[in-house]
Amino acid sequence: MIINVKAHTNSSEKKILIKDETFHVYIHIAAEKGKANKELIKLIAEYFKVPLSKVKIIKGLRSRSKKVEVL
């Protein structure tokens, strides 16, 4: 499954909201050196109850808007 994700960094809490078929992922970490992407993958894996290895960013590594594949 491929989902659209909008990353919201430096958030006060970690959560996922779904609006208009887009997953809005709120994370604490700032977007630097891939740390935010790792946290985003972790949160999505927890949401779908799959291992980290089953979640992959396929488009938008350096953007707030991403396409993420969940196997």
C-alpha atoms as a PDB file:
ATOM      1  CA  MET A   1       0.000   0.000   0.000  1.00  0.00           C
ATOM      2  CA  ILE A   2       1.267   3.478  -0.842  1.00  0.00           C
ATOM      3  CA  ILE A   3       0.142   6.386   1.325  1.00  0.00           C
ATOM      4  CA  ASN A   4       0.575  10.151   1.080  1.00  0.00           C
ATOM      5  CA  VAL A   5       2.263  11.630   4.128  1.00  0.00           C
ATOM      6  CA  LYS A   6       2.715  15.213   5.292  1.00  0.00           C
ATOM      7  CA  ALA A   7       5.468  15.526   7.904  1.00  0.00           C
ATOM      8  CA  HIS A   8       5.123  18.072  10.699  1.00  0.00           C
ATOM      9  CA  THR A   9       8.431  18.361  12.565  1.00  0.00           C
ATOM     10  CA  ASN A  10       9.157  20.061  15.909  1.00  0.00           C
ATOM     11  CA  SER A  11       5.679  19.168  17.141  1.00  0.00           C
ATOM     12  CA  SER A  12       4.824  19.171  20.829  1.00  0.00           C
ATOM     13  CA  GLU A  13       3.429  15.627  20.594  1.00  0.00           C
ATOM     14  CA  LYS A  14       3.786  12.530  18.409  1.00  0.00           C
ATOM     15  CA  LYS A  15       0.594  11.602  16.565  1.00  0.00           C
ATOM     16  CA  ILE A  16      -0.918  10.684  13.221  1.00  0.00           C
ATOM     17  CA  LEU A  17      -4.051  12.335  11.846  1.00  0.00           C
ATOM     18  CA  ILE A  18      -5.743  11.449   8.562  1.00  0.00           C
ATOM     19  CA  LYS A  19      -7.216  14.308   6.515  1.00  0.00           C
ATOM     20  CA  ASP A  20      -8.310  14.072   2.875  1.00  0.00           C
ATOM     21  CA  GLU A  21      -6.529  10.728   2.314  1.00  0.00           C
ATOM     22  CA  THR A  22      -3.239  12.181   3.607  1.00  0.00           C
ATOM     23  CA  PHE A  23      -1.553  10.989   6.783  1.00  0.00           C
ATOM     24  CA  HIS A  24      -0.366  14.009   8.789  1.00  0.00           C
ATOM     25  CA  VAL A  25       2.484  12.743  10.960  1.00  0.00           C
ATOM     26  CA  TYR A  26       3.532  14.968  13.874  1.00  0.00           C
ATOM     27  CA  ILE A  27       6.972  14.271  15.358  1.00  0.00           C
ATOM     28  CA  HIS A  28       9.211  15.934  17.977  1.00  0.00           C
ATOM     29  CA  ILE A  29      12.453  15.817  16.024  1.00  0.00           C
ATOM     30  CA  ALA A  30      13.742  18.550  13.717  1.00  0.00           C
ATOM     31  CA  ALA A  31      14.344  17.735  10.058  1.00  0.00           C
ATOM     32  CA  GLU A  32      18.117  17.303   9.993  1.00  0.00           C
ATOM     33  CA  LYS A  33      20.389  14.467   8.837  1.00  0.00           C
ATOM     34  CA  GLY A  34      17.483  12.056   8.254  1.00  0.00           C
ATOM     35  CA  LYS A  35      16.498  11.884  11.925  1.00  0.00           C
ATOM     36  CA  ALA A  36      12.944  13.056  11.235  1.00  0.00           C
ATOM     37  CA  ASN A  37      12.511  10.460   8.469  1.00  0.00           C
ATOM     38  CA  LYS A  38      13.596   7.685  10.827  1.00  0.00           C
ATOM     39  CA  GLU A  39      11.113   8.842  13.455  1.00  0.00           C
ATOM     40  CA  LEU A  40       8.375   9.159  10.826  1.00  0.00           C
ATOM     41  CA  ILE A  41       8.992   5.578   9.656  1.00  0.00           C
ATOM     42  CA  LYS A  42       8.907   4.358  13.259  1.00  0.00           C
ATOM     43  CA  LEU A  43       5.579   6.074  13.946  1.00  0.00           C
ATOM     44  CA  ILE A  44       3.982   4.766  10.735  1.00  0.00           C
ATOM     45  CA  ALA A  45       5.199   1.224  11.493  1.00  0.00           C
ATOM     46  CA  GLU A  46       3.631   1.430  14.962  1.00  0.00           C
ATOM     47  CA  TYR A  47       0.371   2.768  13.475  1.00  0.00           C
ATOM     48  CA  PHE A  48       0.076  -0.098  10.972  1.00  0.00           C
ATOM     49  CA  LYS A  49       1.560  -2.658  13.416  1.00  0.00           C
ATOM     50  CA  VAL A  50       4.289  -3.765  11.009  1.00  0.00           C
ATOM     51  CA  PRO A  51       8.089  -4.069  11.418  1.00  0.00           C
ATOM     52  CA  LEU A  52      10.240  -1.060  10.516  1.00  0.00           C
ATOM     53  CA  SER A  53      11.596  -2.981   7.524  1.00  0.00           C
ATOM     54  CA  LYS A  54       8.112  -2.963   5.958  1.00  0.00           C
ATOM     55  CA  VAL A  55       7.924   0.861   5.765  1.00  0.00           C
ATOM     56  CA  LYS A  56       9.854   2.751   3.098  1.00  0.00           C
ATOM     57  CA  ILE A  57       9.841   6.352   1.877  1.00  0.00           C
ATOM     58  CA  ILE A  58       9.678   6.089  -1.904  1.00  0.00           C
ATOM     59  CA  LYS A  59       9.383   9.795  -2.750  1.00  0.00           C
ATOM     60  CA  GLY A  60      10.121  13.026  -0.897  1.00  0.00           C
ATOM     61  CA  LEU A  61      13.082  12.205   1.343  1.00  0.00           C
ATOM     62  CA  ARG A  62      13.922  15.924   1.638  1.00  0.00           C
ATOM     63  CA  SER A  63      10.356  17.239   1.477  1.00  0.00           C
ATOM     64  CA  ARG A  64       7.497  17.546   3.954  1.00  0.00           C
ATOM     65  CA  SER A  65       5.195  15.810   1.456  1.00  0.00           C
ATOM     66  CA  LYS A  66       6.138  12.176   0.984  1.00  0.00           C
ATOM     67  CA  LYS A  67       4.937   8.952  -0.559  1.00  0.00           C
ATOM     68  CA  VAL A  68       5.454   6.021   1.782  1.00  0.00           C
ATOM     69  CA  GLU A  69       5.111   2.338   0.981  1.00  0.00           C
ATOM     70  CA  VAL A  70       3.793   0.038   3.704  1.00  0.00           C
ATOM     71  CA  LEU A  71       4.136  -3.682   2.968  1.00  0.00           C
END
